[in-house]
Amino acid sequence: MKKIGLTGIWFPEAYEMLHDSVPAGMELVDAVEPADFGRLADCEYMIARLALDRGIIGSTPKLRFFQVWGAGYEYIDIKAWGERGVPVANCPGVNAGIVSELAVMLMLAGYRNLLPINRDLRRGHFPRTEYFGRSYMLRGKTVGILGLGRIGRRVAGLVSAFGAKVIYYDILRQREQEERFGYRFVDFDTLLSESDILSVHCPLNGETRGMIGGAEFAKMKKSAMLINTARGPIVEEDALVRALESGQIALAGLDVYAHEPIPADHPLLRMDNVVASAHAGGNTADNTHNMVDYVMGNIAAFDAGRTLNSPEDVVNRAYLPGEARP
């Protein structure tokens, strides 16, 4: 029986669904802790989520295919796996809908002061009009999208439905999106200076790490809101704290942080102008079914010599020898 190794950080619902959805003729092998990596020696397939011990590459001599849970893979040395002839695949777009919903939720919660109002209510105070002068609607605002990929396009569509204007910056200009929906492509500096809400949806890599720092916040409107549901290190966190404390920008909605879990005493968690989530953008019970189906579908397809769910799934194709490319 062929074996699929399971490693990384898992929540119970996903863990149980994976065990219930193993393709015929295969079994799932738990190797979440480094002490269990010896169990991976006979695995031809592996699934990982959020974390990967570097020592694992030496514990998987028979591995043929490496499946990532989700879209992000910055914690994986895709070059090293490619040079070993192991394709690394992710799940592009499976989380796009729910992450985009969270991004818009953060915008609305920030603009309508949802958390401070909820806190006041729990303390016995009914602030019906006290936030009137600092509450806003999305209609008519300019939402800047940094990275018009699958999630960025979903966010653009959602905020457009509220009546917001969309501008975007991406390393690949998308004229079809501009012509179809009226989005406006701008350079990065213009994105910063014109956005009422700047929503980050680019991947974390060497070029985007620290992409938004003190100099960038200085170019933004003092009334601006920053939304980050992508990866924490894209934003220089200390600079964000200073920008919020000084009034350089007005608001932030965050699902990701430079270091996770974020410490309970972190300055960002003490601010009324920050709406904070816990890197939970891709975590809903209903979407977990979609992710499990996608992950196991790719493994079954590779094993049978069929095409994967999407030709874009393999993220280390450039490092694979020709015969190892699915």
C-alpha atoms as a PDB file:
ATOM      1  CA  MET A   1       0.000   0.000   0.000  1.00  0.00           C
ATOM      2  CA  LYS A   2       1.356   3.423  -0.954  1.00  0.00           C
ATOM      3  CA  LYS A   3       1.933   5.870   1.869  1.00  0.00           C
ATOM      4  CA  ILE A   4       1.185   9.585   2.236  1.00  0.00           C
ATOM      5  CA  GLY A   5       3.123  11.394   4.963  1.00  0.00           C
ATOM      6  CA  LEU A   6       1.338  14.121   6.925  1.00  0.00           C
ATOM      7  CA  THR A   7       3.423  16.839   8.582  1.00  0.00           C
ATOM      8  CA  GLY A   8       3.164  20.464   9.684  1.00  0.00           C
ATOM      9  CA  ILE A   9       0.587  22.243  11.860  1.00  0.00           C
ATOM     10  CA  TRP A  10      -2.989  20.942  11.657  1.00  0.00           C
ATOM     11  CA  PHE A  11      -6.360  21.723  13.174  1.00  0.00           C
ATOM     12  CA  PRO A  12      -8.561  18.777  14.185  1.00  0.00           C
ATOM     13  CA  GLU A  13     -11.245  19.123  11.504  1.00  0.00           C
ATOM     14  CA  ALA A  14      -8.747  19.100   8.635  1.00  0.00           C
ATOM     15  CA  TYR A  15      -6.782  16.278  10.223  1.00  0.00           C
ATOM     16  CA  GLU A  16      -9.901  14.114  10.506  1.00  0.00           C
ATOM     17  CA  MET A  17     -11.119  14.909   6.991  1.00  0.00           C
ATOM     18  CA  LEU A  18      -7.746  14.000   5.506  1.00  0.00           C
ATOM     19  CA  HIS A  19      -7.791  10.656   7.273  1.00  0.00           C
ATOM     20  CA  ASP A  20     -11.306  10.045   5.957  1.00  0.00           C
ATOM     21  CA  SER A  21     -10.427  10.953   2.359  1.00  0.00           C
ATOM     22  CA  VAL A  22      -7.336   8.916   1.525  1.00  0.00           C
ATOM     23  CA  PRO A  23      -7.379   7.639  -2.094  1.00  0.00           C
ATOM     24  CA  ALA A  24      -7.935   3.915  -2.613  1.00  0.00           C
ATOM     25  CA  GLY A  25      -4.783   1.869  -2.238  1.00  0.00           C
ATOM     26  CA  MET A  26      -3.084   4.447  -0.001  1.00  0.00           C
ATOM     27  CA  GLU A  27      -2.697   5.119   3.698  1.00  0.00           C
ATOM     28  CA  LEU A  28      -1.921   8.271   5.658  1.00  0.00           C
ATOM     29  CA  VAL A  29       1.138   8.277   7.910  1.00  0.00           C
ATOM     30  CA  ASP A  30       1.293  10.836  10.731  1.00  0.00           C
ATOM     31  CA  ALA A  31       4.681  12.495  11.121  1.00  0.00           C
ATOM     32  CA  VAL A  32       3.808  15.867  12.604  1.00  0.00           C
ATOM     33  CA  GLU A  33       6.716  15.971  15.082  1.00  0.00           C
ATOM     34  CA  PRO A  34      10.422  15.658  14.148  1.00  0.00           C
ATOM     35  CA  ALA A  35      10.636  12.591  16.382  1.00  0.00           C
ATOM     36  CA  ASP A  36       8.197  10.907  13.979  1.00  0.00           C
ATOM     37  CA  PHE A  37      10.065  11.693  10.761  1.00  0.00           C
ATOM     38  CA  GLY A  38      11.375   8.148  10.597  1.00  0.00           C
ATOM     39  CA  ARG A  39       7.852   7.128   9.578  1.00  0.00           C
ATOM     40  CA  LEU A  40       8.301   9.057   6.324  1.00  0.00           C
ATOM     41  CA  ALA A  41      11.045   6.785   5.016  1.00  0.00           C
ATOM     42  CA  ASP A  42       8.611   4.709   2.945  1.00  0.00           C
ATOM     43  CA  CYS A  43       6.312   7.553   1.890  1.00  0.00           C
ATOM     44  CA  GLU A  44       5.949   8.360  -1.795  1.00  0.00           C
ATOM     45  CA  TYR A  45       3.736  11.356  -1.092  1.00  0.00           C
ATOM     46  CA  MET A  46       3.654  14.074   1.541  1.00  0.00           C
ATOM     47  CA  ILE A  47       1.225  16.791   2.642  1.00  0.00           C
ATOM     48  CA  ALA A  48       2.442  19.764   4.701  1.00  0.00           C
ATOM     49  CA  ARG A  49       0.786  22.792   6.261  1.00  0.00           C
ATOM     50  CA  LEU A  50       2.347  26.037   7.609  1.00  0.00           C
ATOM     51  CA  ALA A  51       5.607  24.613   8.930  1.00  0.00           C
ATOM     52  CA  LEU A  52       8.279  22.228   7.730  1.00  0.00           C
ATOM     53  CA  ASP A  53      11.357  21.114   9.619  1.00  0.00           C
ATOM     54  CA  ARG A  54      14.445  21.395   7.394  1.00  0.00           C
ATOM     55  CA  GLY A  55      15.547  17.934   8.473  1.00  0.00           C
ATOM     56  CA  ILE A  56      12.601  16.370   6.708  1.00  0.00           C
ATOM     57  CA  ILE A  57      14.266  16.396   3.311  1.00  0.00           C
ATOM     58  CA  GLY A  58      16.699  13.755   4.518  1.00  0.00           C
ATOM     59  CA  SER A  59      13.917  11.610   5.936  1.00  0.00           C
ATOM     60  CA  THR A  60      12.025  11.054   2.691  1.00  0.00           C
ATOM     61  CA  PRO A  61      14.222   9.025   0.310  1.00  0.00           C
ATOM     62  CA  LYS A  62      11.277   7.564  -1.615  1.00  0.00           C
ATOM     63  CA  LEU A  63       9.243  10.755  -1.966  1.00  0.00           C
ATOM     64  CA  ARG A  64       7.820  11.356  -5.454  1.00  0.00           C
ATOM     65  CA  PHE A  65       5.368  14.229  -4.910  1.00  0.00           C
ATOM     66  CA  PHE A  66       5.014  16.954  -2.270  1.00  0.00           C
ATOM     67  CA  GLN A  67       1.592  18.579  -1.790  1.00  0.00           C
ATOM     68  CA  VAL A  68       1.226  21.855   0.130  1.00  0.00           C
ATOM     69  CA  TRP A  69      -2.020  22.640   1.962  1.00  0.00           C
ATOM     70  CA  GLY A  70      -3.054  26.106   0.784  1.00  0.00           C
ATOM     71  CA  ALA A  71      -1.430  28.573  -1.579  1.00  0.00           C
ATOM     72  CA  GLY A  72       1.577  29.801   0.429  1.00  0.00           C
ATOM     73  CA  TYR A  73       4.834  27.864   0.288  1.00  0.00           C
ATOM     74  CA  GLU A  74       7.439  30.342   1.515  1.00  0.00           C
ATOM     75  CA  TYR A  75       8.471  27.915   4.278  1.00  0.00           C
ATOM     76  CA  ILE A  76       9.527  25.256   1.741  1.00  0.00           C
ATOM     77  CA  ASP A  77      12.860  25.111  -0.122  1.00  0.00           C
ATOM     78  CA  ILE A  78      11.299  24.445  -3.509  1.00  0.00           C
ATOM     79  CA  LYS A  79      14.692  24.524  -5.232  1.00  0.00           C
ATOM     80  CA  ALA A  80      16.114  21.769  -3.034  1.00  0.00           C
ATOM     81  CA  TRP A  81      13.082  19.562  -3.600  1.00  0.00           C
ATOM     82  CA  GLY A  82      13.199  20.269  -7.325  1.00  0.00           C
ATOM     83  CA  GLU A  83      16.834  19.287  -7.552  1.00  0.00           C
ATOM     84  CA  ARG A  84      15.839  16.016  -5.932  1.00  0.00           C
ATOM     85  CA  GLY A  85      13.262  15.547  -8.670  1.00  0.00           C
ATOM     86  CA  VAL A  86      10.263  16.038  -6.367  1.00  0.00           C
ATOM     87  CA  PRO A  87       7.461  18.278  -7.666  1.00  0.00           C
ATOM     88  CA  VAL A  88       6.021  20.641  -5.036  1.00  0.00           C
ATOM     89  CA  ALA A  89       2.376  21.568  -5.652  1.00  0.00           C
ATOM     90  CA  ASN A  90       0.142  24.066  -3.892  1.00  0.00           C
ATOM     91  CA  CYS A  91      -3.609  24.760  -4.040  1.00  0.00           C
ATOM     92  CA  PRO A  92      -3.984  28.061  -5.908  1.00  0.00           C
ATOM     93  CA  GLY A  93      -7.359  29.677  -5.586  1.00  0.00           C
ATOM     94  CA  VAL A  94      -8.999  27.217  -3.200  1.00  0.00           C
ATOM     95  CA  ASN A  95      -8.853  29.755  -0.358  1.00  0.00           C
ATOM     96  CA  ALA A  96      -9.489  32.791  -2.558  1.00  0.00           C
ATOM     97  CA  GLY A  97     -13.168  33.178  -1.737  1.00  0.00           C
ATOM     98  CA  ILE A  98     -12.933  32.956   2.019  1.00  0.00           C
ATOM     99  CA  VAL A  99      -9.753  35.045   2.329  1.00  0.00           C
ATOM    100  CA  SER A 100     -11.324  37.775   0.221  1.00  0.00           C
ATOM    101  CA  GLU A 101     -14.419  37.710   2.450  1.00  0.00           C
ATOM    102  CA  LEU A 102     -12.204  38.156   5.505  1.00  0.00           C
ATOM    103  CA  ALA A 103     -10.374  41.074   3.883  1.00  0.00           C
ATOM    104  CA  VAL A 104     -13.659  42.892   3.250  1.00  0.00           C
ATOM    105  CA  MET A 105     -14.869  42.033   6.750  1.00  0.00           C
ATOM    106  CA  LEU A 106     -11.753  43.725   8.166  1.00  0.00           C
ATOM    107  CA  MET A 107     -12.444  46.794   6.039  1.00  0.00           C
ATOM    108  CA  LEU A 108     -16.040  47.052   7.220  1.00  0.00           C
ATOM    109  CA  ALA A 109     -15.201  46.358  10.861  1.00  0.00           C
ATOM    110  CA  GLY A 110     -12.541  49.067  10.811  1.00  0.00           C
ATOM    111  CA  TYR A 111     -14.629  51.639   8.993  1.00  0.00           C
ATOM    112  CA  ARG A 112     -17.658  51.061  11.260  1.00  0.00           C
ATOM    113  CA  ASN A 113     -15.694  50.813  14.542  1.00  0.00           C
ATOM    114  CA  LEU A 114     -17.266  47.434  15.208  1.00  0.00           C
ATOM    115  CA  LEU A 115     -14.882  46.313  17.939  1.00  0.00           C
ATOM    116  CA  PRO A 116     -14.925  49.511  20.035  1.00  0.00           C
ATOM    117  CA  ILE A 117     -18.734  49.641  19.786  1.00  0.00           C
ATOM    118  CA  ASN A 118     -19.013  46.001  20.814  1.00  0.00           C
ATOM    119  CA  ARG A 119     -16.696  46.646  23.756  1.00  0.00           C
ATOM    120  CA  ASP A 120     -18.762  49.645  24.861  1.00  0.00           C
ATOM    121  CA  LEU A 121     -21.960  47.596  24.703  1.00  0.00           C
ATOM    122  CA  ARG A 122     -20.437  44.862  26.850  1.00  0.00           C
ATOM    123  CA  ARG A 123     -19.551  47.506  29.414  1.00  0.00           C
ATOM    124  CA  GLY A 124     -23.142  48.702  29.604  1.00  0.00           C
ATOM    125  CA  HIS A 125     -22.763  51.756  27.382  1.00  0.00           C
ATOM    126  CA  PHE A 126     -24.886  52.263  24.231  1.00  0.00           C
ATOM    127  CA  PRO A 127     -22.779  54.435  21.846  1.00  0.00           C
ATOM    128  CA  ARG A 128     -25.366  54.978  19.136  1.00  0.00           C
ATOM    129  CA  THR A 129     -23.939  58.254  17.814  1.00  0.00           C
ATOM    130  CA  GLU A 130     -20.495  58.579  19.401  1.00  0.00           C
ATOM    131  CA  TYR A 131     -18.692  57.029  16.448  1.00  0.00           C
ATOM    132  CA  PHE A 132     -20.699  58.948  13.873  1.00  0.00           C
ATOM    133  CA  GLY A 133     -17.876  61.317  12.967  1.00  0.00           C
ATOM    134  CA  ARG A 134     -15.333  58.551  12.453  1.00  0.00           C
ATOM    135  CA  SER A 135     -17.386  55.896  10.717  1.00  0.00           C
ATOM    136  CA  TYR A 136     -17.345  55.508   6.957  1.00  0.00           C
ATOM    137  CA  MET A 137     -18.857  53.558   4.077  1.00  0.00           C
ATOM    138  CA  LEU A 138     -17.030  51.734   1.297  1.00  0.00           C
ATOM    139  CA  ARG A 139     -19.076  53.378  -1.424  1.00  0.00           C
ATOM    140  CA  GLY A 140     -17.019  55.996  -3.251  1.00  0.00           C
ATOM    141  CA  LYS A 141     -13.733  54.996  -1.636  1.00  0.00           C
ATOM    142  CA  THR A 142     -10.639  54.031  -3.605  1.00  0.00           C
ATOM    143  CA  VAL A 143      -9.466  50.531  -2.747  1.00  0.00           C
ATOM    144  CA  GLY A 144      -5.913  49.789  -3.836  1.00  0.00           C
ATOM    145  CA  ILE A 145      -5.087  46.139  -4.497  1.00  0.00           C
ATOM    146  CA  LEU A 146      -1.445  45.152  -4.151  1.00  0.00           C
ATOM    147  CA  GLY A 147      -1.330  41.966  -6.212  1.00  0.00           C
ATOM    148  CA  LEU A 148      -4.262  41.274  -8.534  1.00  0.00           C
ATOM    149  CA  GLY A 149      -4.091  37.489  -8.314  1.00  0.00           C
ATOM    150  CA  ARG A 150      -6.930  35.150  -7.431  1.00  0.00           C
ATOM    151  CA  ILE A 151      -7.584  36.691  -4.021  1.00  0.00           C
ATOM    152  CA  GLY A 152      -6.921  40.241  -5.165  1.00  0.00           C
ATOM    153  CA  ARG A 153      -9.431  39.851  -7.999  1.00  0.00           C
ATOM    154  CA  ARG A 154     -12.050  38.480  -5.591  1.00  0.00           C
ATOM    155  CA  VAL A 155     -11.541  41.433  -3.232  1.00  0.00           C
ATOM    156  CA  ALA A 156     -11.759  43.851  -6.145  1.00  0.00           C
ATOM    157  CA  GLY A 157     -15.074  42.321  -7.189  1.00  0.00           C
ATOM    158  CA  LEU A 158     -16.508  42.448  -3.683  1.00  0.00           C
ATOM    159  CA  VAL A 159     -15.587  46.066  -2.983  1.00  0.00           C
ATOM    160  CA  SER A 160     -16.850  47.055  -6.426  1.00  0.00           C
ATOM    161  CA  ALA A 161     -20.233  45.666  -5.414  1.00  0.00           C
ATOM    162  CA  PHE A 162     -20.183  48.126  -2.501  1.00  0.00           C
ATOM    163  CA  GLY A 163     -19.551  50.981  -4.934  1.00  0.00           C
ATOM    164  CA  ALA A 164     -15.817  51.394  -4.323  1.00  0.00           C
ATOM    165  CA  LYS A 165     -13.330  52.304  -7.048  1.00  0.00           C
ATOM    166  CA  VAL A 166     -10.484  49.845  -7.649  1.00  0.00           C
ATOM    167  CA  ILE A 167      -6.893  50.628  -8.538  1.00  0.00           C
ATOM    168  CA  TYR A 168      -4.167  48.017  -8.517  1.00  0.00           C
ATOM    169  CA  TYR A 169      -0.464  47.387  -8.824  1.00  0.00           C
ATOM    170  CA  ASP A 170       0.931  44.048  -9.923  1.00  0.00           C
ATOM    171  CA  ILE A 171       4.144  42.984 -11.633  1.00  0.00           C
ATOM    172  CA  LEU A 172       1.888  41.659 -14.413  1.00  0.00           C
ATOM    173  CA  ARG A 173      -0.551  44.174 -15.819  1.00  0.00           C
ATOM    174  CA  GLN A 174      -3.972  42.631 -16.416  1.00  0.00           C
ATOM    175  CA  ARG A 175      -5.612  44.541 -19.227  1.00  0.00           C
ATOM    176  CA  GLU A 176      -8.484  42.071 -19.511  1.00  0.00           C
ATOM    177  CA  GLN A 177      -9.488  42.871 -15.913  1.00  0.00           C
ATOM    178  CA  GLU A 178      -9.204  46.592 -16.642  1.00  0.00           C
ATOM    179  CA  GLU A 179     -11.380  46.389 -19.751  1.00  0.00           C
ATOM    180  CA  ARG A 180     -13.946  44.068 -18.196  1.00  0.00           C
ATOM    181  CA  PHE A 181     -14.341  45.698 -14.779  1.00  0.00           C
ATOM    182  CA  GLY A 182     -12.869  49.177 -15.083  1.00  0.00           C
ATOM    183  CA  TYR A 183      -9.973  48.626 -12.679  1.00  0.00           C
ATOM    184  CA  ARG A 184      -7.116  51.090 -13.113  1.00  0.00           C
ATOM    185  CA  PHE A 185      -3.490  49.984 -13.191  1.00  0.00           C
ATOM    186  CA  VAL A 186      -1.120  52.356 -11.361  1.00  0.00           C
ATOM    187  CA  ASP A 187       2.484  52.324 -10.235  1.00  0.00           C
ATOM    188  CA  PHE A 188       3.313  51.454  -6.638  1.00  0.00           C
ATOM    189  CA  ASP A 189       3.744  55.044  -5.462  1.00  0.00           C
ATOM    190  CA  THR A 190       0.382  56.019  -6.922  1.00  0.00           C
ATOM    191  CA  LEU A 191      -1.221  53.006  -5.269  1.00  0.00           C
ATOM    192  CA  LEU A 192       0.095  54.232  -1.928  1.00  0.00           C
ATOM    193  CA  SER A 193      -0.901  57.875  -2.365  1.00  0.00           C
ATOM    194  CA  GLU A 194      -4.394  57.383  -3.849  1.00  0.00           C
ATOM    195  CA  SER A 195      -5.738  54.441  -1.843  1.00  0.00           C
ATOM    196  CA  ASP A 196      -8.263  55.026   0.918  1.00  0.00           C
ATOM    197  CA  ILE A 197      -7.823  51.334   1.685  1.00  0.00           C
ATOM    198  CA  LEU A 198      -4.676  49.459   0.686  1.00  0.00           C
ATOM    199  CA  SER A 199      -5.270  45.703   0.615  1.00  0.00           C
ATOM    200  CA  VAL A 200      -2.210  43.431   0.387  1.00  0.00           C
ATOM    201  CA  HIS A 201      -2.547  40.272  -1.721  1.00  0.00           C
ATOM    202  CA  CYS A 202       0.934  39.545  -3.079  1.00  0.00           C
ATOM    203  CA  PRO A 203       3.030  36.478  -2.194  1.00  0.00           C
ATOM    204  CA  LEU A 204       5.919  36.686   0.246  1.00  0.00           C
ATOM    205  CA  ASN A 205       9.278  36.431  -1.498  1.00  0.00           C
ATOM    206  CA  GLY A 206      12.602  38.220  -1.623  1.00  0.00           C
ATOM    207  CA  GLU A 207      11.133  41.147  -3.521  1.00  0.00           C
ATOM    208  CA  THR A 208       8.032  41.676  -1.376  1.00  0.00           C
ATOM    209  CA  ARG A 209       9.522  41.133   2.098  1.00  0.00           C
ATOM    210  CA  GLY A 210       9.421  44.513   3.848  1.00  0.00           C
ATOM    211  CA  MET A 211       7.755  46.071   0.794  1.00  0.00           C
ATOM    212  CA  ILE A 212       5.643  48.378   2.975  1.00  0.00           C
ATOM    213  CA  GLY A 213       7.624  50.256   5.618  1.00  0.00           C
ATOM    214  CA  GLY A 214       8.102  53.737   6.990  1.00  0.00           C
ATOM    215  CA  ALA A 215       8.780  55.385   3.634  1.00  0.00           C
ATOM    216  CA  GLU A 216       5.672  53.809   2.152  1.00  0.00           C
ATOM    217  CA  PHE A 217       3.415  54.778   5.063  1.00  0.00           C
ATOM    218  CA  ALA A 218       4.628  58.365   4.658  1.00  0.00           C
ATOM    219  CA  LYS A 219       3.191  58.378   1.123  1.00  0.00           C
ATOM    220  CA  MET A 220      -0.261  57.176   2.225  1.00  0.00           C
ATOM    221  CA  LYS A 221      -3.236  59.287   3.202  1.00  0.00           C
ATOM    222  CA  LYS A 222      -3.572  60.016   6.900  1.00  0.00           C
ATOM    223  CA  SER A 223      -7.103  58.640   6.631  1.00  0.00           C
ATOM    224  CA  ALA A 224      -5.910  55.410   4.975  1.00  0.00           C
ATOM    225  CA  MET A 225      -6.515  51.861   6.144  1.00  0.00           C
ATOM    226  CA  LEU A 226      -4.048  49.016   5.579  1.00  0.00           C
ATOM    227  CA  ILE A 227      -5.440  45.487   5.150  1.00  0.00           C
ATOM    228  CA  ASN A 228      -3.045  42.526   5.208  1.00  0.00           C
ATOM    229  CA  THR A 229      -4.409  39.016   4.712  1.00  0.00           C
ATOM    230  CA  ALA A 230      -1.362  37.851   2.734  1.00  0.00           C
ATOM    231  CA  ARG A 231       1.811  37.361   4.786  1.00  0.00           C
ATOM    232  CA  GLY A 232       3.008  39.356   7.779  1.00  0.00           C
ATOM    233  CA  PRO A 233       6.619  40.086   6.716  1.00  0.00           C
ATOM    234  CA  ILE A 234       5.452  41.962   3.611  1.00  0.00           C
ATOM    235  CA  VAL A 235       4.777  44.825   6.041  1.00  0.00           C
ATOM    236  CA  GLU A 236       7.455  46.136   8.389  1.00  0.00           C
ATOM    237  CA  GLU A 237       5.571  45.679  11.635  1.00  0.00           C
ATOM    238  CA  ASP A 238       7.467  48.228  13.731  1.00  0.00           C
ATOM    239  CA  ALA A 239       6.865  50.832  11.045  1.00  0.00           C
ATOM    240  CA  LEU A 240       3.171  49.940  11.024  1.00  0.00           C
ATOM    241  CA  VAL A 241       2.946  50.440  14.787  1.00  0.00           C
ATOM    242  CA  ARG A 242       4.605  53.853  14.478  1.00  0.00           C
ATOM    243  CA  ALA A 243       2.352  54.855  11.603  1.00  0.00           C
ATOM    244  CA  LEU A 244      -0.781  53.961  13.567  1.00  0.00           C
ATOM    245  CA  GLU A 245       0.393  55.556  16.805  1.00  0.00           C
ATOM    246  CA  SER A 246       1.457  58.794  15.116  1.00  0.00           C
ATOM    247  CA  GLY A 247      -1.612  59.131  12.917  1.00  0.00           C
ATOM    248  CA  GLN A 248       0.373  58.678   9.721  1.00  0.00           C
ATOM    249  CA  ILE A 249      -2.380  56.243   8.736  1.00  0.00           C
ATOM    250  CA  ALA A 250      -5.732  55.804  10.430  1.00  0.00           C
ATOM    251  CA  LEU A 251      -6.554  52.104  10.547  1.00  0.00           C
ATOM    252  CA  ALA A 252      -5.313  48.575   9.990  1.00  0.00           C
ATOM    253  CA  GLY A 253      -7.023  45.221   9.553  1.00  0.00           C
ATOM    254  CA  LEU A 254      -4.652  42.307  10.002  1.00  0.00           C
ATOM    255  CA  ASP A 255      -4.852  38.549   9.712  1.00  0.00           C
ATOM    256  CA  VAL A 256      -1.093  37.940   9.513  1.00  0.00           C
ATOM    257  CA  TYR A 257       1.950  39.091  11.460  1.00  0.00           C
ATOM    258  CA  ALA A 258       5.730  39.162  11.308  1.00  0.00           C
ATOM    259  CA  HIS A 259       5.913  36.427  13.958  1.00  0.00           C
ATOM    260  CA  GLU A 260       3.058  34.063  14.706  1.00  0.00           C
ATOM    261  CA  PRO A 261       1.444  33.640  17.087  1.00  0.00           C
ATOM    262  CA  ILE A 262       1.587  37.357  17.824  1.00  0.00           C
ATOM    263  CA  PRO A 263       2.357  37.986  21.532  1.00  0.00           C
ATOM    264  CA  ALA A 264      -0.622  38.998  23.658  1.00  0.00           C
ATOM    265  CA  ASP A 265       1.196  42.162  24.777  1.00  0.00           C
ATOM    266  CA  HIS A 266       2.016  43.308  21.237  1.00  0.00           C
ATOM    267  CA  PRO A 267       1.241  47.021  20.661  1.00  0.00           C
ATOM    268  CA  LEU A 268      -1.008  46.209  17.699  1.00  0.00           C
ATOM    269  CA  LEU A 269      -3.385  44.315  19.975  1.00  0.00           C
ATOM    270  CA  ARG A 270      -3.800  47.306  22.286  1.00  0.00           C
ATOM    271  CA  MET A 271      -4.968  49.736  19.595  1.00  0.00           C
ATOM    272  CA  ASP A 272      -8.605  50.621  18.934  1.00  0.00           C
ATOM    273  CA  ASN A 273      -7.708  51.420  15.328  1.00  0.00           C
ATOM    274  CA  VAL A 274      -6.586  47.844  14.610  1.00  0.00           C
ATOM    275  CA  VAL A 275      -8.920  44.958  13.761  1.00  0.00           C
ATOM    276  CA  ALA A 276      -6.959  41.776  14.361  1.00  0.00           C
ATOM    277  CA  SER A 277      -7.556  38.196  13.283  1.00  0.00           C
ATOM    278  CA  ALA A 278      -5.366  35.122  13.801  1.00  0.00           C
ATOM    279  CA  HIS A 279      -4.162  33.969  10.352  1.00  0.00           C
ATOM    280  CA  ALA A 280      -7.584  32.403   9.986  1.00  0.00           C
ATOM    281  CA  GLY A 281      -8.454  33.659   6.518  1.00  0.00           C
ATOM    282  CA  GLY A 282      -8.411  30.173   5.044  1.00  0.00           C
ATOM    283  CA  ASN A 283     -10.057  28.425   7.971  1.00  0.00           C
ATOM    284  CA  THR A 284     -13.735  27.659   7.602  1.00  0.00           C
ATOM    285  CA  ALA A 285     -15.453  24.322   8.064  1.00  0.00           C
ATOM    286  CA  ASP A 286     -17.046  24.348   4.641  1.00  0.00           C
ATOM    287  CA  ASN A 287     -13.898  25.318   2.722  1.00  0.00           C
ATOM    288  CA  THR A 288     -11.877  22.617   4.474  1.00  0.00           C
ATOM    289  CA  HIS A 289     -13.842  20.084   2.420  1.00  0.00           C
ATOM    290  CA  ASN A 290     -12.731  21.859  -0.744  1.00  0.00           C
ATOM    291  CA  MET A 291      -9.101  21.855   0.352  1.00  0.00           C
ATOM    292  CA  VAL A 292      -9.099  18.176   1.275  1.00  0.00           C
ATOM    293  CA  ASP A 293     -10.641  17.283  -2.085  1.00  0.00           C
ATOM    294  CA  TYR A 294      -8.053  19.379  -3.911  1.00  0.00           C
ATOM    295  CA  VAL A 295      -5.065  17.974  -2.024  1.00  0.00           C
ATOM    296  CA  MET A 296      -6.097  14.342  -2.321  1.00  0.00           C
ATOM    297  CA  GLY A 297      -7.186  14.889  -5.919  1.00  0.00           C
ATOM    298  CA  ASN A 298      -3.705  16.053  -6.870  1.00  0.00           C
ATOM    299  CA  ILE A 299      -2.070  13.066  -5.189  1.00  0.00           C
ATOM    300  CA  ALA A 300      -4.432  10.614  -6.871  1.00  0.00           C
ATOM    301  CA  ALA A 301      -3.905  12.303 -10.246  1.00  0.00           C
ATOM    302  CA  PHE A 302      -0.116  12.245  -9.960  1.00  0.00           C
ATOM    303  CA  ASP A 303      -0.164   8.606  -8.906  1.00  0.00           C
ATOM    304  CA  ALA A 304      -2.298   7.704 -11.934  1.00  0.00           C
ATOM    305  CA  GLY A 305      -0.230   9.785 -14.345  1.00  0.00           C
ATOM    306  CA  ARG A 306      -3.083  12.219 -14.929  1.00  0.00           C
ATOM    307  CA  THR A 307      -3.025  16.009 -15.119  1.00  0.00           C
ATOM    308  CA  LEU A 308      -3.189  17.804 -11.766  1.00  0.00           C
ATOM    309  CA  ASN A 309      -6.125  20.012 -10.793  1.00  0.00           C
ATOM    310  CA  SER A 310      -4.369  22.967 -12.447  1.00  0.00           C
ATOM    311  CA  PRO A 311      -1.200  23.265 -14.553  1.00  0.00           C
ATOM    312  CA  GLU A 312      -0.186  26.094 -12.213  1.00  0.00           C
ATOM    313  CA  ASP A 313      -0.129  23.833  -9.151  1.00  0.00           C
ATOM    314  CA  VAL A 314       3.551  22.823  -9.447  1.00  0.00           C
ATOM    315  CA  VAL A 315       5.555  25.725  -8.026  1.00  0.00           C
ATOM    316  CA  ASN A 316       9.082  24.358  -8.530  1.00  0.00           C
ATOM    317  CA  ARG A 317       8.790  23.367 -12.172  1.00  0.00           C
ATOM    318  CA  ALA A 318      11.845  25.466 -13.067  1.00  0.00           C
ATOM    319  CA  TYR A 319      14.058  23.340 -10.815  1.00  0.00           C
ATOM    320  CA  LEU A 320      12.776  19.920 -11.894  1.00  0.00           C
ATOM    321  CA  PRO A 321      14.570  17.719 -14.409  1.00  0.00           C
ATOM    322  CA  GLY A 322      12.444  17.242 -17.512  1.00  0.00           C
ATOM    323  CA  GLU A 323      11.390  13.705 -16.734  1.00  0.00           C
ATOM    324  CA  ALA A 324      10.055  14.680 -13.273  1.00  0.00           C
ATOM    325  CA  ARG A 325       7.685  17.408 -14.487  1.00  0.00           C
ATOM    326  CA  PRO A 326       4.030  16.380 -14.169  1.00  0.00           C
END
